[in-house]
N, C-alpha and C. Protein backbone atom coordinates (compact mmCIF):
# COMPACT_ATOMS: atom_id res chain seq x y z
N UNK A 1 0.85 -1.19 0.00
CA UNK A 1 0.00 0.00 0.00
C UNK A 1 0.89 1.24 0.00
N UNK A 2 0.93 1.95 -1.10
CA UNK A 2 1.77 3.15 -1.16
C UNK A 2 0.89 4.37 -1.03
N UNK A 3 1.34 5.30 -0.21
CA UNK A 3 0.57 6.52 -0.04
C UNK A 3 1.14 7.58 -0.97
N UNK A 4 0.29 8.48 -1.37
CA UNK A 4 0.71 9.58 -2.22
C UNK A 4 1.57 10.53 -1.38
N UNK A 5 2.64 11.07 -1.95
CA UNK A 5 3.38 12.07 -1.19
C UNK A 5 2.52 13.30 -0.97
N UNK A 6 2.72 13.99 0.14
CA UNK A 6 1.89 15.17 0.42
C UNK A 6 2.17 16.28 -0.58
N UNK A 7 1.17 17.12 -0.82
CA UNK A 7 1.38 18.22 -1.76
C UNK A 7 2.36 19.24 -1.18
N UNK A 8 3.17 19.82 -2.06
CA UNK A 8 4.09 20.88 -1.68
C UNK A 8 3.54 22.19 -2.23
N UNK A 9 3.44 23.20 -1.36
CA UNK A 9 2.95 24.51 -1.77
C UNK A 9 4.01 25.54 -1.44
N UNK A 10 4.34 26.38 -2.41
CA UNK A 10 5.31 27.44 -2.21
C UNK A 10 4.62 28.77 -2.45
N UNK A 11 4.57 29.60 -1.42
CA UNK A 11 4.10 30.98 -1.58
C UNK A 11 5.29 31.79 -2.06
N UNK A 12 5.13 32.53 -3.18
CA UNK A 12 6.26 33.22 -3.77
C UNK A 12 5.83 34.51 -4.45
N UNK A 13 6.86 35.23 -4.94
CA UNK A 13 6.64 36.41 -5.77
C UNK A 13 7.50 36.26 -7.02
N UNK A 14 7.29 37.17 -7.98
CA UNK A 14 8.02 37.07 -9.26
C UNK A 14 9.51 37.32 -9.08
N UNK A 15 9.88 38.27 -8.24
CA UNK A 15 11.29 38.68 -8.13
C UNK A 15 11.85 38.24 -6.78
N UNK A 16 12.00 36.95 -6.60
CA UNK A 16 12.45 36.41 -5.31
C UNK A 16 13.49 35.33 -5.58
N UNK A 17 14.79 35.66 -5.38
CA UNK A 17 15.83 34.67 -5.66
C UNK A 17 15.73 33.42 -4.79
N UNK A 18 15.25 33.56 -3.56
CA UNK A 18 15.12 32.40 -2.69
C UNK A 18 13.98 31.49 -3.14
N UNK A 19 12.95 32.10 -3.74
CA UNK A 19 11.86 31.29 -4.31
C UNK A 19 12.39 30.44 -5.46
N UNK A 20 13.19 31.08 -6.32
CA UNK A 20 13.78 30.35 -7.45
C UNK A 20 14.68 29.23 -6.93
N UNK A 21 15.49 29.53 -5.92
CA UNK A 21 16.39 28.52 -5.36
C UNK A 21 15.59 27.35 -4.77
N UNK A 22 14.51 27.65 -4.08
CA UNK A 22 13.68 26.59 -3.49
C UNK A 22 13.08 25.71 -4.58
N UNK A 23 12.57 26.33 -5.64
CA UNK A 23 11.97 25.56 -6.73
C UNK A 23 13.03 24.74 -7.47
N UNK A 24 14.22 25.33 -7.67
CA UNK A 24 15.30 24.58 -8.32
C UNK A 24 15.71 23.38 -7.49
N UNK A 25 15.77 23.54 -6.16
CA UNK A 25 16.12 22.42 -5.30
C UNK A 25 15.07 21.32 -5.40
N UNK A 26 13.80 21.69 -5.30
CA UNK A 26 12.73 20.68 -5.38
C UNK A 26 12.76 19.98 -6.74
N UNK A 27 13.01 20.76 -7.80
CA UNK A 27 13.10 20.16 -9.14
C UNK A 27 14.25 19.16 -9.19
N UNK A 28 15.39 19.50 -8.55
CA UNK A 28 16.55 18.60 -8.55
C UNK A 28 16.24 17.30 -7.81
N UNK A 29 15.25 17.34 -6.93
CA UNK A 29 14.85 16.15 -6.18
C UNK A 29 13.70 15.41 -6.87
N UNK A 30 13.31 15.90 -8.04
CA UNK A 30 12.22 15.26 -8.79
C UNK A 30 10.85 15.49 -8.18
N UNK A 31 10.69 16.61 -7.48
CA UNK A 31 9.42 16.90 -6.79
C UNK A 31 8.60 17.89 -7.59
N UNK A 32 7.29 17.86 -7.33
CA UNK A 32 6.37 18.82 -7.93
C UNK A 32 5.79 19.67 -6.82
N UNK A 33 5.31 20.84 -7.18
CA UNK A 33 4.76 21.75 -6.20
C UNK A 33 3.71 22.61 -6.86
N UNK A 34 2.93 23.27 -6.00
CA UNK A 34 1.98 24.28 -6.44
C UNK A 34 2.52 25.61 -5.99
N UNK A 35 2.61 26.55 -6.92
CA UNK A 35 3.12 27.88 -6.59
C UNK A 35 1.95 28.83 -6.40
N UNK A 36 1.97 29.58 -5.30
CA UNK A 36 0.95 30.58 -5.02
C UNK A 36 1.64 31.94 -5.05
N UNK A 37 1.31 32.73 -6.05
CA UNK A 37 1.97 34.03 -6.23
C UNK A 37 1.23 35.08 -5.39
N UNK A 38 1.83 35.48 -4.28
CA UNK A 38 1.17 36.45 -3.41
C UNK A 38 1.29 37.87 -3.95
N UNK A 39 2.19 38.10 -4.92
CA UNK A 39 2.27 39.43 -5.53
C UNK A 39 1.12 39.66 -6.51
N UNK A 40 0.46 38.61 -6.93
CA UNK A 40 -0.66 38.73 -7.85
C UNK A 40 -2.01 38.65 -7.14
N UNK A 41 -2.02 38.17 -5.90
CA UNK A 41 -3.28 37.93 -5.21
C UNK A 41 -3.16 38.35 -3.74
N UNK A 42 -3.62 39.56 -3.41
CA UNK A 42 -3.52 40.04 -2.03
C UNK A 42 -4.21 39.14 -1.01
N UNK A 43 -5.28 38.47 -1.42
CA UNK A 43 -5.98 37.57 -0.49
C UNK A 43 -5.07 36.40 -0.11
N UNK A 44 -4.29 35.89 -1.08
CA UNK A 44 -3.35 34.81 -0.79
C UNK A 44 -2.24 35.28 0.14
N UNK A 45 -1.79 36.54 -0.04
CA UNK A 45 -0.78 37.09 0.87
C UNK A 45 -1.32 37.10 2.30
N UNK A 46 -2.56 37.57 2.45
CA UNK A 46 -3.18 37.61 3.79
C UNK A 46 -3.30 36.21 4.36
N UNK A 47 -3.67 35.25 3.54
CA UNK A 47 -3.80 33.86 3.99
C UNK A 47 -2.44 33.32 4.44
N UNK A 48 -1.39 33.62 3.67
CA UNK A 48 -0.04 33.16 4.01
C UNK A 48 0.41 33.75 5.35
N UNK A 49 0.24 35.06 5.51
CA UNK A 49 0.67 35.72 6.75
C UNK A 49 -0.12 35.17 7.93
N UNK A 50 -1.41 34.94 7.74
CA UNK A 50 -2.24 34.41 8.82
C UNK A 50 -1.78 33.02 9.24
N UNK A 51 -1.38 32.18 8.29
CA UNK A 51 -1.02 30.81 8.63
C UNK A 51 0.44 30.64 9.04
N UNK A 52 1.31 31.59 8.65
CA UNK A 52 2.74 31.45 8.96
C UNK A 52 3.26 32.48 9.95
N UNK A 53 2.53 33.58 10.10
CA UNK A 53 2.98 34.73 10.88
C UNK A 53 4.29 35.30 10.33
N UNK A 54 4.51 35.11 9.04
CA UNK A 54 5.69 35.65 8.35
C UNK A 54 5.23 36.40 7.11
N UNK A 55 6.01 37.42 6.74
CA UNK A 55 5.67 38.21 5.55
C UNK A 55 6.64 37.95 4.41
N UNK A 56 7.73 37.23 4.67
CA UNK A 56 8.74 36.99 3.64
C UNK A 56 8.38 35.76 2.80
N UNK A 57 8.93 35.73 1.59
CA UNK A 57 8.77 34.56 0.72
C UNK A 57 10.15 34.00 0.41
N UNK A 58 10.24 32.73 0.08
CA UNK A 58 9.12 31.80 -0.02
C UNK A 58 8.67 31.33 1.36
N UNK A 59 7.44 30.87 1.42
CA UNK A 59 6.94 30.11 2.57
C UNK A 59 6.53 28.77 1.98
N UNK A 60 7.11 27.70 2.54
CA UNK A 60 6.97 26.38 1.95
C UNK A 60 6.19 25.48 2.89
N UNK A 61 5.19 24.80 2.34
CA UNK A 61 4.41 23.82 3.08
C UNK A 61 4.56 22.46 2.42
N UNK A 62 4.70 21.44 3.24
CA UNK A 62 4.64 20.06 2.77
C UNK A 62 3.43 19.46 3.47
N UNK A 63 2.36 19.24 2.72
CA UNK A 63 1.10 18.86 3.35
C UNK A 63 0.67 20.01 4.27
N UNK A 64 0.32 19.68 5.51
CA UNK A 64 -0.08 20.70 6.48
C UNK A 64 1.11 21.23 7.27
N UNK A 65 2.31 20.69 7.03
CA UNK A 65 3.50 21.08 7.79
C UNK A 65 4.16 22.31 7.17
N UNK A 66 4.32 23.35 8.00
CA UNK A 66 4.98 24.58 7.52
C UNK A 66 6.48 24.42 7.68
N UNK A 67 7.17 24.24 6.56
CA UNK A 67 8.62 24.09 6.57
C UNK A 67 9.28 25.42 6.90
N UNK A 68 8.76 26.50 6.33
CA UNK A 68 9.35 27.82 6.50
C UNK A 68 9.86 28.32 5.16
N UNK A 69 10.97 29.06 5.20
CA UNK A 69 11.55 29.60 3.99
C UNK A 69 12.61 28.68 3.41
N UNK A 70 13.35 29.22 2.44
CA UNK A 70 14.38 28.43 1.76
C UNK A 70 15.44 27.94 2.75
N UNK A 71 15.95 28.85 3.60
CA UNK A 71 16.98 28.45 4.57
C UNK A 71 16.46 27.37 5.52
N UNK A 72 15.20 27.49 5.93
CA UNK A 72 14.59 26.48 6.81
C UNK A 72 14.53 25.13 6.09
N UNK A 73 14.14 25.16 4.80
CA UNK A 73 14.04 23.92 4.03
C UNK A 73 15.42 23.25 3.91
N UNK A 74 16.45 24.06 3.64
CA UNK A 74 17.78 23.49 3.47
C UNK A 74 18.33 22.97 4.79
N UNK A 75 18.02 23.64 5.90
CA UNK A 75 18.44 23.14 7.22
C UNK A 75 17.77 21.80 7.51
N UNK A 76 16.50 21.68 7.16
CA UNK A 76 15.77 20.43 7.35
C UNK A 76 16.39 19.34 6.47
N UNK A 77 16.79 19.71 5.25
CA UNK A 77 17.43 18.75 4.35
C UNK A 77 18.78 18.28 4.91
N UNK A 78 19.59 19.23 5.39
CA UNK A 78 20.90 18.87 5.97
C UNK A 78 20.74 17.97 7.18
N UNK A 79 19.64 18.14 7.90
CA UNK A 79 19.38 17.31 9.09
C UNK A 79 18.81 15.94 8.70
N UNK A 80 18.60 15.71 7.40
CA UNK A 80 18.08 14.43 6.94
C UNK A 80 16.58 14.26 7.15
N UNK A 81 15.86 15.37 7.37
CA UNK A 81 14.43 15.27 7.68
C UNK A 81 13.52 15.71 6.55
N UNK A 82 14.08 16.37 5.50
CA UNK A 82 13.21 16.89 4.45
C UNK A 82 12.71 15.78 3.52
N UNK A 83 13.58 14.92 3.05
CA UNK A 83 13.16 13.89 2.09
C UNK A 83 12.13 12.94 2.69
N UNK A 84 12.30 12.48 3.96
CA UNK A 84 11.22 11.67 4.54
C UNK A 84 9.89 12.43 4.60
N UNK A 85 9.95 13.72 4.92
CA UNK A 85 8.74 14.54 4.97
C UNK A 85 8.10 14.60 3.58
N UNK A 86 8.93 14.83 2.55
CA UNK A 86 8.41 14.88 1.17
C UNK A 86 7.84 13.53 0.74
N UNK A 87 8.34 12.45 1.32
CA UNK A 87 7.85 11.12 0.98
C UNK A 87 6.61 10.73 1.78
N UNK A 88 6.15 11.61 2.67
CA UNK A 88 4.90 11.36 3.37
C UNK A 88 5.03 10.90 4.79
N UNK A 89 6.26 10.85 5.33
CA UNK A 89 6.41 10.49 6.74
C UNK A 89 6.10 11.71 7.58
N UNK A 90 5.39 11.50 8.71
CA UNK A 90 5.06 12.65 9.54
C UNK A 90 6.34 13.30 10.10
N UNK A 91 6.33 14.62 10.27
CA UNK A 91 7.52 15.29 10.80
C UNK A 91 7.78 14.87 12.24
N UNK A 92 9.07 14.83 12.58
CA UNK A 92 9.43 14.56 13.96
C UNK A 92 9.25 15.87 14.73
N UNK A 93 8.60 15.79 15.85
CA UNK A 93 8.39 16.98 16.67
C UNK A 93 9.38 16.92 17.81
N UNK A 94 10.26 17.92 17.85
CA UNK A 94 11.25 17.93 18.92
C UNK A 94 10.65 18.63 20.14
N UNK A 95 11.01 18.12 21.29
CA UNK A 95 10.41 18.64 22.54
C UNK A 95 11.05 19.94 22.95
């Protein structure tokens, strides 16, 4: 029984080098994502800020888990926790 990997959502803007870097990294891992352009949709910006309490982009979600920005994603990857998360394993919650 194989489960589908959770959806990846990236909140981004057109002129954001970290957004490009995040998408390039995910592409290098063979992953797909949904991009939400907050510069084109103010309601999406409000939704992002409400759910993350952050105003910077990118803001990356894997399923319901808020990874954070590009640096947060890369730190999670270096810790060996990003790929299991992308494969559908629940995130480890540190105490």
